[in-house]
Amino acid sequence: MKTYLFIALVSLVGFLRQEEPLSKVANIELPQKSQRISQKDITDFKSKRFKSDNPMAKLSHVYRVDGVIFGFKDYTSAKDDYTALEDKKNEWLGVMNEVGLKSNVTRADIIKVNNTRYLICTSLKDGEYYSVFTSDKKGRKGISGSLQYVESDKVKADNILNEILKRLSFKAPSLSRDN
């Protein structure tokens, strides 16, 4: 009887300690040496490493690999949103042009990794890069994220982004018709 109670207690503790998955939309295998950082750590790290501010704190999951910070979040589009990645790319380039930052754009590409298309937009300002990626929707759901890094970490950051996208696989759509 005590053995059964002990096993039940251990199982319950294990169940309660399970972490929430990184994404409800995709399975994500993080790059080696990824360290999750808190909102306070984001602010502290950014104030020491970067001059510019960005909306990294708005992402659900933020990590650091050496001098590169990256984060991602799930997104759900409206039922009547038929915006293609090409339209998002053109919209971003238009906004960058309107605000006089078109010369800062270093990348605006749509690539395909593991049968999923991604829009990758990167800008450079004052020696700092800010990259954003957005997946094509699977149903109504997708994943987006960003990276921030200094010029000297560009090769490392490109490798991190490629690794994230290669290791990301979308989960099967639900049968509840919400996607």
C-alpha atoms as a PDB file:
ATOM      1  CA  MET A   1       0.000   0.000   0.000  1.00  0.00           C
ATOM      2  CA  LYS A   2       2.800   2.439   0.888  1.00  0.00           C
ATOM      3  CA  THR A   3       4.529   1.590  -2.396  1.00  0.00           C
ATOM      4  CA  TYR A   4       1.417   2.500  -4.405  1.00  0.00           C
ATOM      5  CA  LEU A   5       1.018   5.745  -2.475  1.00  0.00           C
ATOM      6  CA  PHE A   6       4.683   6.616  -3.076  1.00  0.00           C
ATOM      7  CA  ILE A   7       4.393   5.904  -6.838  1.00  0.00           C
ATOM      8  CA  ALA A   8       1.209   7.977  -7.067  1.00  0.00           C
ATOM      9  CA  LEU A   9       2.865  10.872  -5.224  1.00  0.00           C
ATOM     10  CA  VAL A  10       5.960  10.781  -7.458  1.00  0.00           C
ATOM     11  CA  SER A  11       3.764  10.671 -10.573  1.00  0.00           C
ATOM     12  CA  LEU A  12       1.698  13.606  -9.343  1.00  0.00           C
ATOM     13  CA  VAL A  13       4.780  15.700  -8.602  1.00  0.00           C
ATOM     14  CA  GLY A  14       6.186  14.869 -12.040  1.00  0.00           C
ATOM     15  CA  PHE A  15       2.915  15.820 -13.690  1.00  0.00           C
ATOM     16  CA  LEU A  16       2.683  19.138 -11.839  1.00  0.00           C
ATOM     17  CA  ARG A  17       6.290  20.063 -12.684  1.00  0.00           C
ATOM     18  CA  GLN A  18       5.819  19.628 -16.440  1.00  0.00           C
ATOM     19  CA  GLU A  19       6.520  22.828 -18.273  1.00  0.00           C
ATOM     20  CA  GLU A  20       4.174  24.342 -20.788  1.00  0.00           C
ATOM     21  CA  PRO A  21       5.315  23.557 -24.336  1.00  0.00           C
ATOM     22  CA  LEU A  22       7.319  26.268 -26.089  1.00  0.00           C
ATOM     23  CA  SER A  23       4.657  26.502 -28.780  1.00  0.00           C
ATOM     24  CA  LYS A  24       1.162  25.180 -29.275  1.00  0.00           C
ATOM     25  CA  VAL A  25       1.604  25.482 -33.043  1.00  0.00           C
ATOM     26  CA  ALA A  26       5.007  23.899 -33.638  1.00  0.00           C
ATOM     27  CA  ASN A  27       7.585  21.624 -32.099  1.00  0.00           C
ATOM     28  CA  ILE A  28      10.735  23.620 -31.466  1.00  0.00           C
ATOM     29  CA  GLU A  29      14.181  22.302 -30.694  1.00  0.00           C
ATOM     30  CA  LEU A  30      16.282  25.188 -29.401  1.00  0.00           C
ATOM     31  CA  PRO A  31      19.885  25.749 -30.498  1.00  0.00           C
ATOM     32  CA  GLN A  32      22.603  24.463 -28.190  1.00  0.00           C
ATOM     33  CA  LYS A  33      23.641  26.840 -25.406  1.00  0.00           C
ATOM     34  CA  SER A  34      20.250  28.607 -25.460  1.00  0.00           C
ATOM     35  CA  GLN A  35      19.494  30.228 -22.120  1.00  0.00           C
ATOM     36  CA  ARG A  36      15.986  31.437 -21.396  1.00  0.00           C
ATOM     37  CA  ILE A  37      16.003  34.974 -20.072  1.00  0.00           C
ATOM     38  CA  SER A  38      13.430  36.831 -18.002  1.00  0.00           C
ATOM     39  CA  GLN A  39      11.952  40.231 -18.833  1.00  0.00           C
ATOM     40  CA  LYS A  40      14.336  41.845 -16.318  1.00  0.00           C
ATOM     41  CA  ASP A  41      17.308  40.031 -17.844  1.00  0.00           C
ATOM     42  CA  ILE A  42      16.246  41.207 -21.318  1.00  0.00           C
ATOM     43  CA  THR A  43      16.290  44.821 -20.137  1.00  0.00           C
ATOM     44  CA  ASP A  44      19.636  44.417 -18.339  1.00  0.00           C
ATOM     45  CA  PHE A  45      21.306  42.563 -21.211  1.00  0.00           C
ATOM     46  CA  LYS A  46      20.004  44.970 -23.844  1.00  0.00           C
ATOM     47  CA  SER A  47      21.115  48.054 -21.911  1.00  0.00           C
ATOM     48  CA  LYS A  48      24.655  46.652 -21.702  1.00  0.00           C
ATOM     49  CA  ARG A  49      24.870  45.259 -25.251  1.00  0.00           C
ATOM     50  CA  PHE A  50      22.564  47.302 -27.515  1.00  0.00           C
ATOM     51  CA  LYS A  51      21.906  50.972 -28.186  1.00  0.00           C
ATOM     52  CA  SER A  52      18.458  50.604 -29.704  1.00  0.00           C
ATOM     53  CA  ASP A  53      15.280  49.309 -28.171  1.00  0.00           C
ATOM     54  CA  ASN A  54      13.006  46.740 -29.786  1.00  0.00           C
ATOM     55  CA  PRO A  55       9.821  44.877 -28.912  1.00  0.00           C
ATOM     56  CA  MET A  56      11.688  41.689 -27.862  1.00  0.00           C
ATOM     57  CA  ALA A  57       9.958  41.867 -24.461  1.00  0.00           C
ATOM     58  CA  LYS A  58       6.594  41.293 -26.179  1.00  0.00           C
ATOM     59  CA  LEU A  59       7.576  37.792 -27.274  1.00  0.00           C
ATOM     60  CA  SER A  60       6.455  34.756 -25.286  1.00  0.00           C
ATOM     61  CA  HIS A  61       9.814  33.019 -25.167  1.00  0.00           C
ATOM     62  CA  VAL A  62      13.123  34.890 -25.213  1.00  0.00           C
ATOM     63  CA  TYR A  63      16.556  33.271 -25.192  1.00  0.00           C
ATOM     64  CA  ARG A  64      20.197  34.212 -25.406  1.00  0.00           C
ATOM     65  CA  VAL A  65      23.022  32.420 -27.159  1.00  0.00           C
ATOM     66  CA  ASP A  66      26.212  34.284 -26.366  1.00  0.00           C
ATOM     67  CA  GLY A  67      25.621  37.848 -27.645  1.00  0.00           C
ATOM     68  CA  VAL A  68      22.504  37.099 -29.702  1.00  0.00           C
ATOM     69  CA  ILE A  69      19.011  37.351 -28.267  1.00  0.00           C
ATOM     70  CA  PHE A  70      16.099  35.696 -30.002  1.00  0.00           C
ATOM     71  CA  GLY A  71      12.484  35.055 -29.234  1.00  0.00           C
ATOM     72  CA  PHE A  72       9.323  33.706 -30.774  1.00  0.00           C
ATOM     73  CA  LYS A  73       5.586  33.446 -30.287  1.00  0.00           C
ATOM     74  CA  ASP A  74       2.592  31.724 -31.813  1.00  0.00           C
ATOM     75  CA  TYR A  75       0.123  33.767 -33.792  1.00  0.00           C
ATOM     76  CA  THR A  76      -3.445  33.236 -34.960  1.00  0.00           C
ATOM     77  CA  SER A  77      -4.755  35.246 -37.891  1.00  0.00           C
ATOM     78  CA  ALA A  78      -8.318  36.432 -38.307  1.00  0.00           C
ATOM     79  CA  LYS A  79     -10.636  34.161 -40.289  1.00  0.00           C
ATOM     80  CA  ASP A  80     -10.826  36.727 -43.082  1.00  0.00           C
ATOM     81  CA  ASP A  81      -7.060  37.428 -43.215  1.00  0.00           C
ATOM     82  CA  TYR A  82      -5.750  36.219 -46.546  1.00  0.00           C
ATOM     83  CA  THR A  83      -2.499  38.207 -46.424  1.00  0.00           C
ATOM     84  CA  ALA A  84       0.284  36.285 -48.142  1.00  0.00           C
ATOM     85  CA  LEU A  85       3.943  36.499 -47.133  1.00  0.00           C
ATOM     86  CA  GLU A  86       4.627  38.416 -50.350  1.00  0.00           C
ATOM     87  CA  ASP A  87       2.093  41.064 -49.272  1.00  0.00           C
ATOM     88  CA  LYS A  88       3.673  41.280 -45.800  1.00  0.00           C
ATOM     89  CA  LYS A  89       7.101  41.699 -47.382  1.00  0.00           C
ATOM     90  CA  ASN A  90       5.899  44.508 -49.661  1.00  0.00           C
ATOM     91  CA  GLU A  91       4.102  46.179 -46.761  1.00  0.00           C
ATOM     92  CA  TRP A  92       7.245  46.096 -44.578  1.00  0.00           C
ATOM     93  CA  LEU A  93       9.411  47.472 -47.399  1.00  0.00           C
ATOM     94  CA  GLY A  94       6.831  50.207 -47.999  1.00  0.00           C
ATOM     95  CA  VAL A  95       6.810  51.226 -44.336  1.00  0.00           C
ATOM     96  CA  MET A  96      10.626  51.245 -44.212  1.00  0.00           C
ATOM     97  CA  ASN A  97      10.623  53.482 -47.297  1.00  0.00           C
ATOM     98  CA  GLU A  98       7.971  55.834 -45.854  1.00  0.00           C
ATOM     99  CA  VAL A  99       9.891  56.373 -42.616  1.00  0.00           C
ATOM    100  CA  GLY A 100      13.159  56.897 -44.474  1.00  0.00           C
ATOM    101  CA  LEU A 101      14.814  53.649 -43.393  1.00  0.00           C
ATOM    102  CA  LYS A 102      14.843  51.765 -46.686  1.00  0.00           C
ATOM    103  CA  SER A 103      18.657  52.068 -46.809  1.00  0.00           C
ATOM    104  CA  ASN A 104      18.786  50.146 -43.494  1.00  0.00           C
ATOM    105  CA  VAL A 105      17.129  47.059 -45.035  1.00  0.00           C
ATOM    106  CA  THR A 106      19.678  44.287 -45.497  1.00  0.00           C
ATOM    107  CA  ARG A 107      17.308  41.408 -46.157  1.00  0.00           C
ATOM    108  CA  ALA A 108      13.699  40.880 -47.202  1.00  0.00           C
ATOM    109  CA  ASP A 109      13.420  37.298 -48.412  1.00  0.00           C
ATOM    110  CA  ILE A 110      10.902  34.502 -48.505  1.00  0.00           C
ATOM    111  CA  ILE A 111      12.601  31.162 -48.048  1.00  0.00           C
ATOM    112  CA  LYS A 112      11.370  27.595 -47.786  1.00  0.00           C
ATOM    113  CA  VAL A 113      12.590  25.279 -45.023  1.00  0.00           C
ATOM    114  CA  ASN A 114      11.096  21.809 -44.459  1.00  0.00           C
ATOM    115  CA  ASN A 115       8.102  22.589 -46.712  1.00  0.00           C
ATOM    116  CA  THR A 116       7.245  25.754 -44.770  1.00  0.00           C
ATOM    117  CA  ARG A 117       7.743  29.227 -46.160  1.00  0.00           C
ATOM    118  CA  TYR A 118       9.151  32.020 -43.988  1.00  0.00           C
ATOM    119  CA  LEU A 119       9.448  35.742 -44.514  1.00  0.00           C
ATOM    120  CA  ILE A 120      12.730  37.063 -43.116  1.00  0.00           C
ATOM    121  CA  CYS A 121      13.195  40.827 -42.793  1.00  0.00           C
ATOM    122  CA  THR A 122      16.421  42.311 -41.449  1.00  0.00           C
ATOM    123  CA  SER A 123      17.530  45.876 -40.883  1.00  0.00           C
ATOM    124  CA  LEU A 124      20.816  47.390 -39.726  1.00  0.00           C
ATOM    125  CA  LYS A 125      21.069  50.594 -37.730  1.00  0.00           C
ATOM    126  CA  ASP A 126      24.040  51.942 -35.795  1.00  0.00           C
ATOM    127  CA  GLY A 127      25.912  48.637 -36.017  1.00  0.00           C
ATOM    128  CA  GLU A 128      22.979  46.569 -34.723  1.00  0.00           C
ATOM    129  CA  TYR A 129      20.843  44.100 -36.635  1.00  0.00           C
ATOM    130  CA  TYR A 130      17.206  43.348 -35.966  1.00  0.00           C
ATOM    131  CA  SER A 131      15.737  40.358 -37.838  1.00  0.00           C
ATOM    132  CA  VAL A 132      12.123  39.247 -37.890  1.00  0.00           C
ATOM    133  CA  PHE A 133      10.781  35.956 -39.218  1.00  0.00           C
ATOM    134  CA  THR A 134       7.182  34.952 -39.856  1.00  0.00           C
ATOM    135  CA  SER A 135       5.988  31.557 -41.005  1.00  0.00           C
ATOM    136  CA  ASP A 136       3.318  30.923 -43.558  1.00  0.00           C
ATOM    137  CA  LYS A 137       0.050  30.066 -41.824  1.00  0.00           C
ATOM    138  CA  LYS A 138      -0.934  26.470 -41.258  1.00  0.00           C
ATOM    139  CA  GLY A 139      -4.663  26.897 -41.185  1.00  0.00           C
ATOM    140  CA  ARG A 140      -4.929  30.173 -39.259  1.00  0.00           C
ATOM    141  CA  LYS A 141      -1.900  29.613 -37.033  1.00  0.00           C
ATOM    142  CA  GLY A 142       1.785  30.256 -37.409  1.00  0.00           C
ATOM    143  CA  ILE A 143       4.912  31.272 -35.566  1.00  0.00           C
ATOM    144  CA  SER A 144       6.925  34.473 -35.654  1.00  0.00           C
ATOM    145  CA  GLY A 145      10.022  35.685 -33.928  1.00  0.00           C
ATOM    146  CA  SER A 146      12.967  38.015 -33.941  1.00  0.00           C
ATOM    147  CA  LEU A 147      16.693  38.239 -33.297  1.00  0.00           C
ATOM    148  CA  GLN A 148      18.797  41.170 -32.169  1.00  0.00           C
ATOM    149  CA  TYR A 149      22.583  41.224 -32.469  1.00  0.00           C
ATOM    150  CA  VAL A 150      25.573  43.430 -33.177  1.00  0.00           C
ATOM    151  CA  GLU A 151      27.459  43.427 -36.472  1.00  0.00           C
ATOM    152  CA  SER A 152      30.277  41.247 -35.136  1.00  0.00           C
ATOM    153  CA  ASP A 153      27.731  38.476 -34.350  1.00  0.00           C
ATOM    154  CA  LYS A 154      26.072  38.440 -37.792  1.00  0.00           C
ATOM    155  CA  VAL A 155      27.424  35.052 -38.912  1.00  0.00           C
ATOM    156  CA  LYS A 156      26.532  33.504 -35.549  1.00  0.00           C
ATOM    157  CA  ALA A 157      23.026  35.002 -35.657  1.00  0.00           C
ATOM    158  CA  ASP A 158      22.451  33.782 -39.228  1.00  0.00           C
ATOM    159  CA  ASN A 159      23.438  30.282 -38.095  1.00  0.00           C
ATOM    160  CA  ILE A 160      21.089  30.494 -35.091  1.00  0.00           C
ATOM    161  CA  LEU A 161      18.179  31.573 -37.310  1.00  0.00           C
ATOM    162  CA  ASN A 162      18.863  28.781 -39.800  1.00  0.00           C
ATOM    163  CA  GLU A 163      19.081  26.248 -36.972  1.00  0.00           C
ATOM    164  CA  ILE A 164      15.781  27.433 -35.454  1.00  0.00           C
ATOM    165  CA  LEU A 165      13.964  27.205 -38.783  1.00  0.00           C
ATOM    166  CA  LYS A 166      15.434  23.775 -39.643  1.00  0.00           C
ATOM    167  CA  ARG A 167      14.448  22.365 -36.243  1.00  0.00           C
ATOM    168  CA  LEU A 168      10.925  23.778 -36.246  1.00  0.00           C
ATOM    169  CA  SER A 169       8.125  21.443 -37.301  1.00  0.00           C
ATOM    170  CA  PHE A 170       4.453  22.311 -37.276  1.00  0.00           C
ATOM    171  CA  LYS A 171       1.997  20.231 -35.314  1.00  0.00           C
ATOM    172  CA  ALA A 172      -1.030  18.740 -37.055  1.00  0.00           C
ATOM    173  CA  PRO A 173      -3.962  21.157 -37.233  1.00  0.00           C
ATOM    174  CA  SER A 174      -6.678  20.561 -34.702  1.00  0.00           C
ATOM    175  CA  LEU A 175     -10.021  19.129 -35.682  1.00  0.00           C
ATOM    176  CA  SER A 176     -11.895  21.893 -33.875  1.00  0.00           C
ATOM    177  CA  ARG A 177     -11.901  24.120 -36.991  1.00  0.00           C
ATOM    178  CA  ASP A 178     -10.233  26.928 -35.038  1.00  0.00           C
ATOM    179  CA  ASN A 179      -7.258  26.926 -37.368  1.00  0.00           C
END
